[in-house]
């Protein structure tokens, strides 16, 4: 499954990049996030509860950041396990572009799922993933609008 989109955030690129690396801000924005622990500058551990169609599961997983191109671009990879519900792994490439006082955030993400989740059908999975991504970025943009100097 692949997702790609862009969103304009009313904050300078450096503030957007800093917020994308702030576990407290991310925890507020990630749908269903119960816990987000920063293990190091490039490693996070997350606990997230998600409902996909009839399947509800608590996922635990690890995310690793690659900040080589920061703050203009960075990537992340991760994997999570939802017990009997299944597992997921994937990654995303993020590009931040200055547009006056605002920042355009573009992302391309890929994910693979297995277990019960994979049996739900690709349409349901794809539409749920799009909704979750949209919810995350709307929350993120709202947080940045409230406190652009995060």
N, C-alpha and C. Protein backbone atom coordinates (compact mmCIF):
# COMPACT_ATOMS: atom_id res chain seq x y z
N UNK A 1 0.84 -1.17 0.00
CA UNK A 1 0.00 0.00 0.00
C UNK A 1 0.89 1.24 0.00
N UNK A 2 0.48 2.22 -0.79
CA UNK A 2 1.24 3.45 -0.87
C UNK A 2 0.32 4.65 -0.65
N UNK A 3 0.84 5.65 0.05
CA UNK A 3 0.12 6.90 0.28
C UNK A 3 1.06 8.06 -0.03
N UNK A 4 0.51 9.13 -0.57
CA UNK A 4 1.30 10.34 -0.81
C UNK A 4 0.37 11.53 -0.71
N UNK A 5 0.87 12.62 -0.15
CA UNK A 5 0.04 13.81 -0.01
C UNK A 5 0.96 14.97 0.34
N UNK A 6 0.36 16.16 0.38
CA UNK A 6 1.10 17.33 0.85
C UNK A 6 0.15 18.21 1.63
N UNK A 7 0.70 18.93 2.59
CA UNK A 7 -0.10 19.82 3.43
C UNK A 7 0.72 21.08 3.67
N UNK A 8 0.04 22.22 3.73
CA UNK A 8 0.71 23.48 4.03
C UNK A 8 0.53 23.77 5.52
N UNK A 9 1.63 24.04 6.19
CA UNK A 9 1.61 24.30 7.63
C UNK A 9 2.03 25.74 7.87
N UNK A 10 1.28 26.42 8.71
CA UNK A 10 1.49 27.84 8.95
C UNK A 10 2.61 28.05 9.98
N UNK A 11 3.82 27.65 9.62
CA UNK A 11 4.98 27.80 10.50
C UNK A 11 6.24 27.66 9.65
N UNK A 12 7.36 28.24 10.12
CA UNK A 12 8.61 28.09 9.37
C UNK A 12 9.13 26.65 9.41
N UNK A 13 9.93 26.30 8.40
CA UNK A 13 10.43 24.94 8.24
C UNK A 13 11.14 24.42 9.49
N UNK A 14 11.98 25.24 10.12
CA UNK A 14 12.73 24.78 11.30
C UNK A 14 11.78 24.38 12.44
N UNK A 15 10.70 25.16 12.61
CA UNK A 15 9.73 24.86 13.67
C UNK A 15 8.96 23.57 13.34
N UNK A 16 8.63 23.39 12.06
CA UNK A 16 7.92 22.17 11.64
C UNK A 16 8.81 20.96 11.88
N UNK A 17 10.07 21.07 11.47
CA UNK A 17 11.00 19.95 11.66
C UNK A 17 11.17 19.63 13.15
N UNK A 18 11.33 20.66 13.97
CA UNK A 18 11.48 20.45 15.42
C UNK A 18 10.25 19.76 15.99
N UNK A 19 9.06 20.18 15.56
CA UNK A 19 7.82 19.58 16.06
C UNK A 19 7.69 18.13 15.62
N UNK A 20 8.14 17.82 14.40
CA UNK A 20 8.08 16.43 13.93
C UNK A 20 9.05 15.52 14.69
N UNK A 21 9.93 16.12 15.47
CA UNK A 21 10.87 15.35 16.28
C UNK A 21 10.56 15.46 17.77
N UNK A 22 9.41 16.03 18.11
CA UNK A 22 9.02 16.22 19.50
C UNK A 22 7.98 15.14 19.88
N UNK A 23 8.37 14.18 20.74
CA UNK A 23 7.45 13.09 21.09
C UNK A 23 6.12 13.56 21.67
N UNK A 24 6.11 14.66 22.42
CA UNK A 24 4.86 15.13 23.03
C UNK A 24 3.89 15.63 21.95
N UNK A 25 4.42 16.35 20.96
CA UNK A 25 3.57 16.84 19.87
C UNK A 25 3.09 15.67 19.03
N UNK A 26 3.98 14.74 18.71
CA UNK A 26 3.59 13.58 17.91
C UNK A 26 2.53 12.76 18.62
N UNK A 27 2.69 12.57 19.92
CA UNK A 27 1.72 11.78 20.69
C UNK A 27 0.33 12.40 20.59
N UNK A 28 0.25 13.73 20.64
CA UNK A 28 -1.04 14.42 20.52
C UNK A 28 -1.67 14.20 19.15
N UNK A 29 -0.84 14.06 18.12
CA UNK A 29 -1.32 14.04 16.74
C UNK A 29 -1.57 12.65 16.18
N UNK A 30 -0.88 11.64 16.68
CA UNK A 30 -1.03 10.29 16.14
C UNK A 30 -2.35 9.70 16.65
N UNK A 31 -3.27 9.36 15.73
CA UNK A 31 -4.55 8.79 16.16
C UNK A 31 -4.35 7.51 16.99
N UNK A 32 -4.98 7.47 18.15
CA UNK A 32 -4.93 6.28 19.00
C UNK A 32 -3.65 6.09 19.78
N UNK A 33 -2.75 7.08 19.75
CA UNK A 33 -1.46 6.92 20.43
C UNK A 33 -1.63 6.99 21.94
N UNK A 34 -1.20 5.95 22.62
CA UNK A 34 -1.27 5.91 24.08
C UNK A 34 0.06 6.27 24.71
N UNK A 35 1.15 5.95 24.01
CA UNK A 35 2.47 6.18 24.57
C UNK A 35 3.47 6.35 23.44
N UNK A 36 4.39 7.29 23.60
CA UNK A 36 5.45 7.50 22.63
C UNK A 36 6.71 7.83 23.42
N UNK A 37 7.67 6.94 23.32
CA UNK A 37 8.89 7.09 24.10
C UNK A 37 10.07 7.33 23.16
N UNK A 38 10.81 8.40 23.43
CA UNK A 38 12.01 8.70 22.64
C UNK A 38 13.17 7.92 23.25
N UNK A 39 13.65 6.91 22.53
CA UNK A 39 14.77 6.09 23.02
C UNK A 39 16.11 6.77 22.74
N UNK A 40 16.17 7.50 21.61
CA UNK A 40 17.37 8.25 21.23
C UNK A 40 16.93 9.31 20.23
N UNK A 41 17.88 10.06 19.68
CA UNK A 41 17.53 11.09 18.69
C UNK A 41 16.93 10.50 17.42
N UNK A 42 17.15 9.21 17.18
CA UNK A 42 16.66 8.61 15.95
C UNK A 42 15.73 7.41 16.19
N UNK A 43 15.43 7.08 17.45
CA UNK A 43 14.58 5.92 17.72
C UNK A 43 13.43 6.26 18.67
N UNK A 44 12.24 5.81 18.28
CA UNK A 44 11.04 6.00 19.09
C UNK A 44 10.35 4.66 19.28
N UNK A 45 9.66 4.53 20.41
CA UNK A 45 8.83 3.35 20.66
C UNK A 45 7.41 3.85 20.88
N UNK A 46 6.44 3.21 20.21
CA UNK A 46 5.06 3.67 20.29
C UNK A 46 4.11 2.56 20.69
N UNK A 47 3.02 2.97 21.38
CA UNK A 47 1.90 2.08 21.66
C UNK A 47 0.65 2.80 21.16
N UNK A 48 -0.02 2.16 20.20
CA UNK A 48 -1.15 2.78 19.52
C UNK A 48 -2.31 1.80 19.46
N UNK A 49 -3.52 2.28 19.74
CA UNK A 49 -4.72 1.46 19.60
C UNK A 49 -5.45 1.92 18.34
N UNK A 50 -5.69 0.98 17.42
CA UNK A 50 -6.35 1.29 16.16
C UNK A 50 -7.52 0.36 15.92
N UNK A 51 -8.52 0.87 15.24
CA UNK A 51 -9.65 0.06 14.82
C UNK A 51 -9.71 0.15 13.30
N UNK A 52 -9.59 -1.00 12.66
CA UNK A 52 -9.67 -1.07 11.21
C UNK A 52 -10.82 -2.00 10.89
N UNK A 53 -11.93 -1.43 10.42
CA UNK A 53 -13.12 -2.24 10.19
C UNK A 53 -13.52 -2.91 11.50
N UNK A 54 -13.71 -4.24 11.49
CA UNK A 54 -14.11 -4.94 12.70
C UNK A 54 -12.95 -5.29 13.64
N UNK A 55 -11.73 -5.02 13.22
CA UNK A 55 -10.56 -5.42 14.00
C UNK A 55 -10.02 -4.24 14.80
N UNK A 56 -9.96 -4.41 16.12
CA UNK A 56 -9.37 -3.40 16.98
C UNK A 56 -8.16 -4.04 17.65
N UNK A 57 -7.04 -3.34 17.63
CA UNK A 57 -5.82 -3.92 18.19
C UNK A 57 -4.93 -2.85 18.79
N UNK A 58 -4.14 -3.29 19.75
CA UNK A 58 -3.12 -2.43 20.34
C UNK A 58 -1.79 -2.83 19.71
N UNK A 59 -1.20 -1.88 19.03
CA UNK A 59 0.08 -2.12 18.38
C UNK A 59 1.21 -1.56 19.22
N UNK A 60 2.29 -2.30 19.30
CA UNK A 60 3.52 -1.77 19.87
C UNK A 60 4.55 -1.84 18.76
N UNK A 61 5.35 -0.81 18.66
CA UNK A 61 6.30 -0.80 17.57
C UNK A 61 7.43 0.17 17.77
N UNK A 62 8.39 0.06 16.89
CA UNK A 62 9.58 0.91 16.91
C UNK A 62 9.66 1.68 15.61
N UNK A 63 10.12 2.93 15.71
CA UNK A 63 10.31 3.78 14.54
C UNK A 63 11.75 4.28 14.57
N UNK A 64 12.41 4.23 13.43
CA UNK A 64 13.78 4.72 13.31
C UNK A 64 13.80 5.85 12.28
N UNK A 65 14.39 6.98 12.66
CA UNK A 65 14.49 8.15 11.78
C UNK A 65 15.85 8.18 11.08
N UNK A 66 15.84 8.59 9.83
CA UNK A 66 17.08 8.84 9.10
C UNK A 66 17.06 10.33 8.79
N UNK A 67 17.91 11.09 9.47
CA UNK A 67 17.87 12.55 9.38
C UNK A 67 18.98 13.13 8.51
N UNK A 68 19.51 12.35 7.59
CA UNK A 68 20.63 12.80 6.75
C UNK A 68 20.36 14.11 6.01
N UNK A 69 19.15 14.28 5.48
CA UNK A 69 18.86 15.48 4.70
C UNK A 69 18.17 16.58 5.49
N UNK A 70 18.09 16.43 6.80
CA UNK A 70 17.34 17.36 7.64
C UNK A 70 17.94 18.77 7.61
N UNK A 71 17.13 19.81 7.77
CA UNK A 71 15.68 19.80 7.97
C UNK A 71 14.87 19.79 6.68
N UNK A 72 15.53 19.70 5.51
CA UNK A 72 14.79 19.73 4.24
C UNK A 72 14.07 18.42 3.95
N UNK A 73 14.66 17.32 4.38
CA UNK A 73 14.08 16.02 4.11
C UNK A 73 14.57 15.01 5.15
N UNK A 74 13.74 14.03 5.41
CA UNK A 74 14.14 12.93 6.27
C UNK A 74 13.24 11.75 5.98
N UNK A 75 13.61 10.60 6.48
CA UNK A 75 12.77 9.43 6.28
C UNK A 75 12.65 8.68 7.59
N UNK A 76 11.65 7.82 7.64
CA UNK A 76 11.47 7.00 8.82
C UNK A 76 11.00 5.62 8.39
N UNK A 77 11.39 4.64 9.18
CA UNK A 77 10.93 3.28 8.95
C UNK A 77 10.46 2.73 10.29
N UNK A 78 9.53 1.81 10.22
CA UNK A 78 9.03 1.26 11.47
C UNK A 78 8.33 -0.05 11.25
N UNK A 79 8.10 -0.72 12.37
CA UNK A 79 7.32 -1.94 12.35
C UNK A 79 6.57 -2.04 13.66
N UNK A 80 5.39 -2.66 13.57
CA UNK A 80 4.57 -2.80 14.75
C UNK A 80 3.90 -4.15 14.78
N UNK A 81 3.56 -4.58 15.98
CA UNK A 81 2.90 -5.86 16.15
C UNK A 81 1.62 -5.65 16.93
N UNK A 82 0.53 -6.17 16.39
CA UNK A 82 -0.78 -6.05 17.04
C UNK A 82 -1.29 -7.38 17.54
N UNK A 83 -0.38 -8.28 17.89
CA UNK A 83 -0.80 -9.58 18.40
C UNK A 83 -1.59 -10.35 17.36
N UNK A 84 -2.75 -10.89 17.77
CA UNK A 84 -3.57 -11.71 16.88
C UNK A 84 -4.09 -10.91 15.69
N UNK A 85 -4.20 -9.59 15.84
CA UNK A 85 -4.73 -8.77 14.75
C UNK A 85 -3.77 -8.70 13.57
N UNK A 86 -2.49 -8.87 13.84
CA UNK A 86 -1.53 -8.85 12.74
C UNK A 86 -0.35 -7.94 13.02
N UNK A 87 0.36 -7.64 11.96
CA UNK A 87 1.55 -6.81 12.09
C UNK A 87 1.63 -5.88 10.88
N UNK A 88 2.45 -4.85 11.03
CA UNK A 88 2.64 -3.90 9.94
C UNK A 88 4.08 -3.43 9.94
N UNK A 89 4.57 -3.11 8.76
CA UNK A 89 5.87 -2.48 8.66
C UNK A 89 5.84 -1.54 7.47
N UNK A 90 6.65 -0.50 7.55
CA UNK A 90 6.65 0.44 6.45
C UNK A 90 7.59 1.60 6.70
N UNK A 91 7.43 2.60 5.88
CA UNK A 91 8.29 3.77 6.00
C UNK A 91 7.70 4.94 5.25
N UNK A 92 8.31 6.09 5.47
CA UNK A 92 7.85 7.30 4.78
C UNK A 92 9.04 8.21 4.51
N UNK A 93 8.95 8.90 3.39
CA UNK A 93 9.91 9.94 3.05
C UNK A 93 9.18 11.27 3.16
N UNK A 94 9.78 12.21 3.89
CA UNK A 94 9.15 13.51 4.13
C UNK A 94 10.06 14.59 3.58
N UNK A 95 9.46 15.56 2.87
CA UNK A 95 10.20 16.70 2.34
C UNK A 95 9.52 17.96 2.86
N UNK A 96 10.31 18.90 3.38
CA UNK A 96 9.81 20.18 3.86
C UNK A 96 10.32 21.28 2.95
N UNK A 97 9.41 22.11 2.44
CA UNK A 97 9.77 23.19 1.52
C UNK A 97 9.24 24.52 2.06
N UNK A 98 10.12 25.49 2.18
CA UNK A 98 9.71 26.82 2.65
C UNK A 98 8.86 27.50 1.59
N UNK A 99 7.74 28.08 2.02
CA UNK A 99 6.85 28.83 1.13
C UNK A 99 6.46 30.10 1.86
N UNK A 100 7.32 31.13 1.77
CA UNK A 100 7.10 32.36 2.53
C UNK A 100 7.24 32.07 4.01
N UNK A 101 6.19 32.40 4.79
CA UNK A 101 6.20 32.13 6.23
C UNK A 101 5.67 30.74 6.54
N UNK A 102 5.29 30.01 5.51
CA UNK A 102 4.71 28.69 5.71
C UNK A 102 5.65 27.60 5.24
N UNK A 103 5.27 26.36 5.53
CA UNK A 103 6.06 25.21 5.11
C UNK A 103 5.14 24.22 4.42
N UNK A 104 5.57 23.75 3.26
CA UNK A 104 4.84 22.69 2.57
C UNK A 104 5.49 21.36 2.97
N UNK A 105 4.69 20.47 3.53
CA UNK A 105 5.16 19.15 3.93
C UNK A 105 4.61 18.15 2.92
N UNK A 106 5.52 17.45 2.24
CA UNK A 106 5.14 16.40 1.29
C UNK A 106 5.61 15.07 1.85
N UNK A 107 4.77 14.05 1.70
CA UNK A 107 5.22 12.73 2.15
C UNK A 107 4.79 11.65 1.18
N UNK A 108 5.59 10.61 1.15
CA UNK A 108 5.28 9.38 0.43
C UNK A 108 5.52 8.25 1.42
N UNK A 109 4.51 7.42 1.61
CA UNK A 109 4.62 6.34 2.58
C UNK A 109 4.27 5.01 1.93
N UNK A 110 4.91 3.97 2.42
CA UNK A 110 4.62 2.60 1.97
C UNK A 110 4.45 1.74 3.21
N UNK A 111 3.51 0.81 3.13
CA UNK A 111 3.30 -0.09 4.27
C UNK A 111 2.93 -1.47 3.77
N UNK A 112 3.29 -2.46 4.58
CA UNK A 112 2.90 -3.84 4.35
C UNK A 112 2.25 -4.34 5.63
N UNK A 113 1.17 -5.09 5.47
CA UNK A 113 0.49 -5.62 6.65
C UNK A 113 0.32 -7.13 6.51
N UNK A 114 0.16 -7.79 7.65
CA UNK A 114 -0.06 -9.23 7.65
C UNK A 114 -1.00 -9.60 8.78
N UNK A 115 -1.43 -10.84 8.80
CA UNK A 115 -2.33 -11.31 9.85
C UNK A 115 -3.78 -11.00 9.51
N UNK A 116 -4.63 -10.91 10.54
CA UNK A 116 -6.07 -10.64 10.33
C UNK A 116 -6.30 -9.36 9.55
N UNK A 117 -5.47 -8.35 9.80
CA UNK A 117 -5.64 -7.07 9.09
C UNK A 117 -5.55 -7.26 7.58
N UNK A 118 -4.64 -8.10 7.14
CA UNK A 118 -4.43 -8.31 5.71
C UNK A 118 -5.64 -8.98 5.06
N UNK A 119 -6.47 -9.65 5.86
CA UNK A 119 -7.64 -10.34 5.33
C UNK A 119 -8.84 -9.41 5.14
N UNK A 120 -8.73 -8.17 5.61
CA UNK A 120 -9.86 -7.25 5.55
C UNK A 120 -10.12 -6.69 4.15
N UNK A 121 -9.15 -6.76 3.30
CA UNK A 121 -9.33 -6.22 1.95
C UNK A 121 -8.59 -4.91 1.79
N UNK A 122 -7.98 -4.76 0.63
CA UNK A 122 -7.11 -3.61 0.40
C UNK A 122 -7.87 -2.28 0.39
N UNK A 123 -9.13 -2.27 -0.07
CA UNK A 123 -9.89 -1.01 -0.09
C UNK A 123 -10.10 -0.47 1.31
N UNK A 124 -10.51 -1.34 2.24
CA UNK A 124 -10.76 -0.92 3.61
C UNK A 124 -9.45 -0.46 4.26
N UNK A 125 -8.38 -1.20 4.04
CA UNK A 125 -7.08 -0.84 4.61
C UNK A 125 -6.62 0.50 4.06
N UNK A 126 -6.71 0.67 2.74
CA UNK A 126 -6.26 1.90 2.09
C UNK A 126 -7.07 3.10 2.58
N UNK A 127 -8.41 2.96 2.64
CA UNK A 127 -9.22 4.10 3.07
C UNK A 127 -8.97 4.43 4.54
N UNK A 128 -8.77 3.41 5.37
CA UNK A 128 -8.46 3.66 6.78
C UNK A 128 -7.11 4.35 6.92
N UNK A 129 -6.12 3.89 6.16
CA UNK A 129 -4.79 4.50 6.21
C UNK A 129 -4.86 5.97 5.78
N UNK A 130 -5.62 6.27 4.74
CA UNK A 130 -5.76 7.65 4.27
C UNK A 130 -6.42 8.52 5.34
N UNK A 131 -7.46 7.98 5.99
CA UNK A 131 -8.15 8.73 7.05
C UNK A 131 -7.22 8.99 8.22
N UNK A 132 -6.45 7.99 8.62
CA UNK A 132 -5.52 8.15 9.75
C UNK A 132 -4.43 9.17 9.41
N UNK A 133 -3.90 9.11 8.19
CA UNK A 133 -2.87 10.07 7.78
C UNK A 133 -3.45 11.48 7.76
N UNK A 134 -4.66 11.62 7.20
CA UNK A 134 -5.29 12.94 7.14
C UNK A 134 -5.54 13.48 8.55
N UNK A 135 -5.97 12.61 9.45
CA UNK A 135 -6.24 13.02 10.83
C UNK A 135 -4.94 13.46 11.51
N UNK A 136 -3.86 12.71 11.30
CA UNK A 136 -2.57 13.08 11.88
C UNK A 136 -2.15 14.47 11.38
N UNK A 137 -2.16 14.68 10.07
CA UNK A 137 -1.65 15.93 9.53
C UNK A 137 -2.56 17.12 9.87
N UNK A 138 -3.88 16.90 9.96
CA UNK A 138 -4.76 17.98 10.39
C UNK A 138 -4.45 18.34 11.84
N UNK A 139 -4.31 17.34 12.70
CA UNK A 139 -3.95 17.61 14.10
C UNK A 139 -2.61 18.32 14.20
N UNK A 140 -1.65 17.86 13.39
CA UNK A 140 -0.31 18.46 13.41
C UNK A 140 -0.38 19.93 12.97
N UNK A 141 -1.10 20.19 11.88
CA UNK A 141 -1.25 21.57 11.40
C UNK A 141 -1.94 22.44 12.45
N UNK A 142 -2.95 21.88 13.14
CA UNK A 142 -3.67 22.63 14.19
C UNK A 142 -2.73 22.96 15.35
N UNK A 143 -1.92 21.99 15.78
CA UNK A 143 -0.97 22.20 16.86
C UNK A 143 0.04 23.28 16.46
N UNK A 144 0.52 23.23 15.24
CA UNK A 144 1.50 24.21 14.76
C UNK A 144 0.87 25.60 14.67
N UNK A 145 -0.41 25.67 14.31
CA UNK A 145 -1.08 26.97 14.22
C UNK A 145 -1.26 27.59 15.61
N UNK A 146 -1.49 26.72 16.64
CA UNK A 146 -1.65 27.22 18.00
C UNK A 146 -0.33 27.71 18.58
N UNK A 147 0.74 26.95 18.28
CA UNK A 147 2.05 27.23 18.88
C UNK A 147 3.14 27.04 17.85
N UNK A 148 3.26 27.99 16.89
CA UNK A 148 4.23 27.80 15.80
C UNK A 148 5.70 27.77 16.24
N UNK A 149 5.99 28.19 17.44
CA UNK A 149 7.39 28.16 17.90
C UNK A 149 7.55 27.00 18.88
N UNK A 150 6.99 25.85 18.50
CA UNK A 150 6.91 24.68 19.39
C UNK A 150 8.19 24.40 20.12
